[in-house]
Structures are given as C-alpha cells and as structure tokens.
Amino acid sequence: VGVVLREGERRERGARGDMELRPLVVRTGTVKEAAGSAYLEMGRTKVLVSVHGPRPDPRAAHFSNTGRVECTVKVAAFGGASDVDEHERQMPPLLAAAIEAAVNLNRFPKSVVAVSVLVLEMDGDATSAAITCSSLALADACIEMFDLVGACAVVKKGEGQLVVDPEGDEMVGRPTALLAVMPSRGEVTLLNHSGEMAVEELQQAVSVGMD
C-alpha cells in the first residue's frame, strides 16, 4: 500500500515555514520476506523498516509475562550521515522506548519482535522518521498495538524561534527536543532533548510537537 500523506516539491527551509513539515511519503508491505514492513520519506530522508516475529526470546527468563521489542539500526554508507557509528549506537534505544509503549507486550510472552531499520538517506532529523516508520511496519505485521506512534523533532534555532522537522544542518549545534506520541490516546511515549532549553521552551516544544 502506498500513501502520500503530504505532497509538494522538496523545498529548503527558506521556502517553508518554521512549523511546516517536510513532504511525507509512506508505503507499507515493501519487504516481502518480513512479517511487516514500511518505507517512509521525509523530504530527502529515506527509511526502510522490516519487522520479524514474534519469535522465542533467548534472553527471556524461565518465563516472562511480557514480550519485548528489539531494535537495530543500520545507516547506509552512501546515505549522507557524517557519523554512521554514532547514529547506529544512539538511535536504537530511542526507537525502542518510543514504540515499545505502544505495543501490547502481553500478547507474546517470552518472545521478541525484531524491528530492523535501514536509513537509506539522512538529511536532518532521521530518528523521528525511523520511529514513525517502525510503528507502521509493526501495524503491517499485525502486531497488536494500543495506537500508532508519530514522532517529530523540534529545534531551538534562535532566541524565541522554534523549528519543527529540521533538515540539512538545522540540528547541528542547536538544542533539540525529540517527541513521540500516540495521537489517538494523547500519550507521550518518548521525550528526549539535547542542548540547553529553558523549561518554558521545552514545554513549548512539546506543545508544538504534539500539534
């Protein structure tokens, strides 16, 4: 299934407003060998996610009442990322925290669902793209969820200036808040921020991100 959720030419920030998202394209069922899969483009950022399982968890205790979600991230060498190893190390725990809260883990005790993310191209924020795409891939795999998860990043670009969905080098050296939510339930599954933000600025970033 292919869905264009937002259409438009690829425009640089100067041609789109601070609160305007990049063009978004989503397709599900893109990897036949996987239980579920999804492909997502946010501007020039491109992410492919495959889901496998549930399957027996070798790390589980003798018996566990809940399952778990295991996330791995690979960044293509040609994808434009400046530090591939850092992204592959930092993204999986954020991804797992964001989507695991939306999965009904009680449905597959002593089992694991593997979520594999391949970042084909990175231009600005890719973590939120990976979170959103992973949620869609889990749904495509018929994994029972409480809700889908959507995510976005909000950057403090200047004094009193917040920018949604950063691209290019807009995140470099700037305070950033990453927010993941279950929209139908109005619940935040992840809030991660880096850099210095006043409490009021962080609250505004959360409000903007949820909108």
Protein backbone atom coordinates (compact mmCIF):
# COMPACT_ATOMS: atom_id res chain seq x y z
CA VAL A 1 0.00 0.00 0.00
CA GLY A 2 1.38 3.40 -0.90
CA VAL A 3 0.09 6.60 0.62
CA VAL A 4 1.25 10.16 0.01
CA LEU A 5 0.34 11.90 3.23
CA ARG A 6 1.78 15.21 2.19
CA GLU A 7 2.63 16.34 -1.30
CA GLY A 8 4.81 19.13 -2.60
CA GLU A 9 8.16 19.97 -4.05
CA ARG A 10 11.27 19.45 -1.96
CA ARG A 11 11.77 22.89 -0.55
CA GLU A 12 14.51 24.20 1.66
CA ARG A 13 13.57 25.76 5.00
CA GLY A 14 13.52 29.23 3.45
CA ALA A 15 10.63 28.10 1.27
CA ARG A 16 8.60 26.52 4.07
CA GLY A 17 7.51 27.88 7.41
CA ASP A 18 9.10 27.05 10.75
CA MET A 19 6.05 24.96 11.69
CA GLU A 20 5.70 23.27 8.28
CA LEU A 21 6.65 19.61 7.86
CA ARG A 22 8.71 18.21 5.03
CA PRO A 23 6.83 16.36 2.25
CA LEU A 24 5.93 12.91 3.59
CA VAL A 25 5.51 9.69 1.60
CA VAL A 26 4.67 6.30 3.16
CA ARG A 27 4.38 2.79 1.75
CA THR A 28 3.72 -0.44 3.64
CA GLY A 29 4.35 -4.06 2.67
CA THR A 30 7.59 -3.18 0.91
CA VAL A 31 9.67 -6.20 2.09
CA LYS A 32 8.02 -9.49 1.15
CA GLU A 33 10.24 -11.65 3.37
CA ALA A 34 9.28 -9.73 6.54
CA ALA A 35 6.20 -10.17 8.72
CA GLY A 36 5.61 -6.46 8.21
CA SER A 37 7.44 -3.56 6.63
CA ALA A 38 7.21 0.10 5.73
CA TYR A 39 9.08 2.71 3.73
CA LEU A 40 8.99 6.40 4.61
CA GLU A 41 10.36 9.57 3.09
CA MET A 42 10.51 12.87 4.96
CA GLY A 43 11.93 15.26 2.42
CA ARG A 44 15.28 13.78 1.46
CA THR A 45 15.40 11.45 4.49
CA LYS A 46 14.52 7.88 3.49
CA VAL A 47 13.94 4.98 5.90
CA LEU A 48 13.04 1.30 5.35
CA VAL A 49 11.83 -0.84 8.29
CA SER A 50 11.34 -4.61 8.48
CA VAL A 51 9.61 -6.45 11.34
CA HIS A 52 10.19 -10.14 12.17
CA GLY A 53 8.48 -12.23 14.83
CA PRO A 54 7.22 -12.67 17.43
CA ARG A 55 9.69 -15.49 17.97
CA PRO A 56 11.15 -17.21 21.07
CA ASP A 57 13.38 -14.87 23.04
CA PRO A 58 16.71 -16.50 24.00
CA ARG A 59 17.28 -13.70 26.52
CA ALA A 60 13.99 -14.27 28.34
CA ALA A 61 13.89 -15.68 31.86
CA HIS A 62 12.37 -19.12 32.54
CA PHE A 63 9.02 -17.46 32.00
CA SER A 64 8.18 -13.86 31.25
CA ASN A 65 4.68 -12.44 31.32
CA THR A 66 5.55 -9.96 28.61
CA GLY A 67 7.47 -9.91 25.38
CA ARG A 68 9.88 -7.25 24.23
CA VAL A 69 10.79 -5.24 21.16
CA GLU A 70 14.37 -5.38 19.89
CA CYS A 71 15.54 -2.59 17.60
CA THR A 72 18.57 -2.40 15.35
CA VAL A 73 19.59 0.47 13.08
CA LYS A 74 21.88 0.47 10.07
CA VAL A 75 22.80 3.63 8.21
CA ALA A 76 23.79 3.25 4.57
CA ALA A 77 27.35 4.38 3.88
CA PHE A 78 26.08 6.38 0.91
CA GLY A 79 23.27 7.96 2.92
CA GLY A 80 24.96 11.24 3.75
CA ALA A 81 25.40 10.74 7.52
CA SER A 82 28.57 12.30 8.94
CA ASP A 83 28.95 9.80 11.81
CA VAL A 84 27.41 6.45 10.93
CA ASP A 85 28.62 4.61 14.07
CA GLU A 86 27.21 7.26 16.39
CA HIS A 87 23.79 7.18 14.74
CA GLU A 88 23.71 3.36 14.81
CA ARG A 89 24.52 3.44 18.52
CA GLN A 90 22.22 6.27 19.64
CA MET A 91 19.07 5.57 17.64
CA PRO A 92 18.08 2.02 18.79
CA PRO A 93 17.35 2.83 22.48
CA LEU A 94 15.33 5.91 21.48
CA LEU A 95 13.44 3.88 18.91
CA ALA A 96 12.70 1.05 21.35
CA ALA A 97 11.50 3.42 24.07
CA ALA A 98 9.22 5.25 21.65
CA ILE A 99 7.45 2.24 20.11
CA GLU A 100 7.50 -0.37 22.89
CA ALA A 101 4.98 1.61 24.94
CA ALA A 102 2.51 1.31 22.06
CA VAL A 103 2.85 -2.48 21.67
CA ASN A 104 0.70 -4.88 23.70
CA LEU A 105 3.63 -6.92 25.02
CA ASN A 106 1.29 -9.21 26.98
CA ARG A 107 0.23 -10.81 23.70
CA PHE A 108 3.56 -12.57 23.16
CA PRO A 109 5.13 -13.64 26.49
CA LYS A 110 8.70 -14.90 26.44
CA SER A 111 9.02 -13.71 22.87
CA VAL A 112 10.68 -10.90 20.95
CA VAL A 113 9.66 -8.80 17.98
CA ALA A 114 12.65 -7.64 15.95
CA VAL A 115 12.48 -4.21 14.31
CA SER A 116 15.24 -3.58 11.77
CA VAL A 117 15.74 -0.04 10.47
CA LEU A 118 17.76 0.84 7.40
CA VAL A 119 18.40 4.56 6.91
CA LEU A 120 18.91 4.89 3.18
CA GLU A 121 19.41 8.64 3.20
CA MET A 122 19.75 11.11 6.05
CA ASP A 123 19.08 14.81 5.75
CA GLY A 124 18.49 16.38 9.14
CA ASP A 125 16.26 14.53 11.61
CA ALA A 126 16.07 10.80 10.85
CA THR A 127 15.17 9.41 14.28
CA SER A 128 11.58 10.61 14.14
CA ALA A 129 11.28 9.14 10.65
CA ALA A 130 12.53 5.79 11.97
CA ILE A 131 10.05 5.86 14.86
CA THR A 132 7.05 6.67 12.67
CA CYS A 133 8.07 4.14 10.03
CA SER A 134 8.63 1.41 12.65
CA SER A 135 5.16 1.96 14.05
CA LEU A 136 3.65 1.49 10.59
CA ALA A 137 5.74 -1.63 9.97
CA LEU A 138 4.53 -3.14 13.27
CA ALA A 139 0.94 -2.47 12.27
CA ASP A 140 1.62 -4.04 8.87
CA ALA A 141 2.90 -7.14 10.73
CA CYS A 142 -0.44 -7.32 12.60
CA ILE A 143 1.31 -6.81 15.96
CA GLU A 144 -1.36 -5.74 18.43
CA MET A 145 -0.82 -2.09 19.38
CA PHE A 146 -2.62 0.40 21.58
CA ASP A 147 -2.09 3.08 18.95
CA LEU A 148 0.27 4.08 16.17
CA VAL A 149 3.22 6.29 17.11
CA GLY A 150 4.13 9.52 15.37
CA ALA A 151 7.29 11.47 16.06
CA CYS A 152 8.97 14.74 15.23
CA ALA A 153 11.92 16.85 16.31
CA VAL A 154 11.75 20.49 17.36
CA VAL A 155 14.87 22.66 17.23
CA LYS A 156 15.62 25.92 19.01
CA LYS A 157 17.06 27.86 16.10
CA GLY A 158 17.29 31.23 17.80
CA GLU A 159 16.00 33.18 20.76
CA GLY A 160 12.27 32.51 20.81
CA GLN A 161 12.41 30.66 17.49
CA LEU A 162 11.40 27.00 17.33
CA VAL A 163 11.63 24.98 14.13
CA VAL A 164 9.71 21.75 13.52
CA ASP A 165 11.06 18.83 11.48
CA PRO A 166 14.66 20.03 10.93
CA GLU A 167 16.52 19.23 7.75
CA GLY A 168 20.06 19.72 6.49
CA ASP A 169 22.29 21.14 9.21
CA GLU A 170 19.49 22.79 11.22
CA MET A 171 20.12 20.40 14.14
CA VAL A 172 23.89 20.88 14.26
CA GLY A 173 24.94 22.57 17.50
CA ARG A 174 21.37 23.54 18.41
CA PRO A 175 19.12 22.43 21.31
CA THR A 176 16.73 19.76 20.06
CA ALA A 177 13.68 18.03 21.53
CA LEU A 178 12.54 14.69 20.10
CA LEU A 179 8.93 13.82 20.80
CA ALA A 180 6.96 10.62 20.09
CA VAL A 181 3.25 10.36 20.79
CA MET A 182 0.28 8.03 20.46
CA PRO A 183 -2.08 10.55 18.84
CA SER A 184 -5.41 8.81 19.45
CA ARG A 185 -4.61 8.38 23.15
CA GLY A 186 -2.83 11.72 23.55
CA GLU A 187 0.07 9.99 25.32
CA VAL A 188 3.78 10.75 25.02
CA THR A 189 5.94 7.65 24.59
CA LEU A 190 9.27 9.47 24.29
CA LEU A 191 10.65 12.89 25.17
CA ASN A 192 14.37 13.30 24.65
CA HIS A 193 16.20 16.59 24.45
CA SER A 194 19.79 17.67 23.99
CA GLY A 195 21.36 21.07 24.49
CA GLU A 196 20.18 23.89 26.73
CA MET A 197 16.47 24.66 26.78
CA ALA A 198 14.59 26.60 29.41
CA VAL A 199 11.63 24.80 30.96
CA GLU A 200 9.23 27.16 29.17
CA GLU A 201 10.96 26.49 25.84
CA LEU A 202 10.80 22.73 26.34
CA GLN A 203 7.12 22.95 27.22
CA GLN A 204 6.50 24.99 24.09
CA ALA A 205 8.49 22.47 22.02
CA VAL A 206 6.31 19.63 23.38
CA SER A 207 3.14 21.57 22.62
CA VAL A 208 4.32 22.33 19.09
CA GLY A 209 5.40 18.72 18.53
CA MET A 210 2.06 17.31 19.65
CA ASP A 211 0.21 19.64 17.31
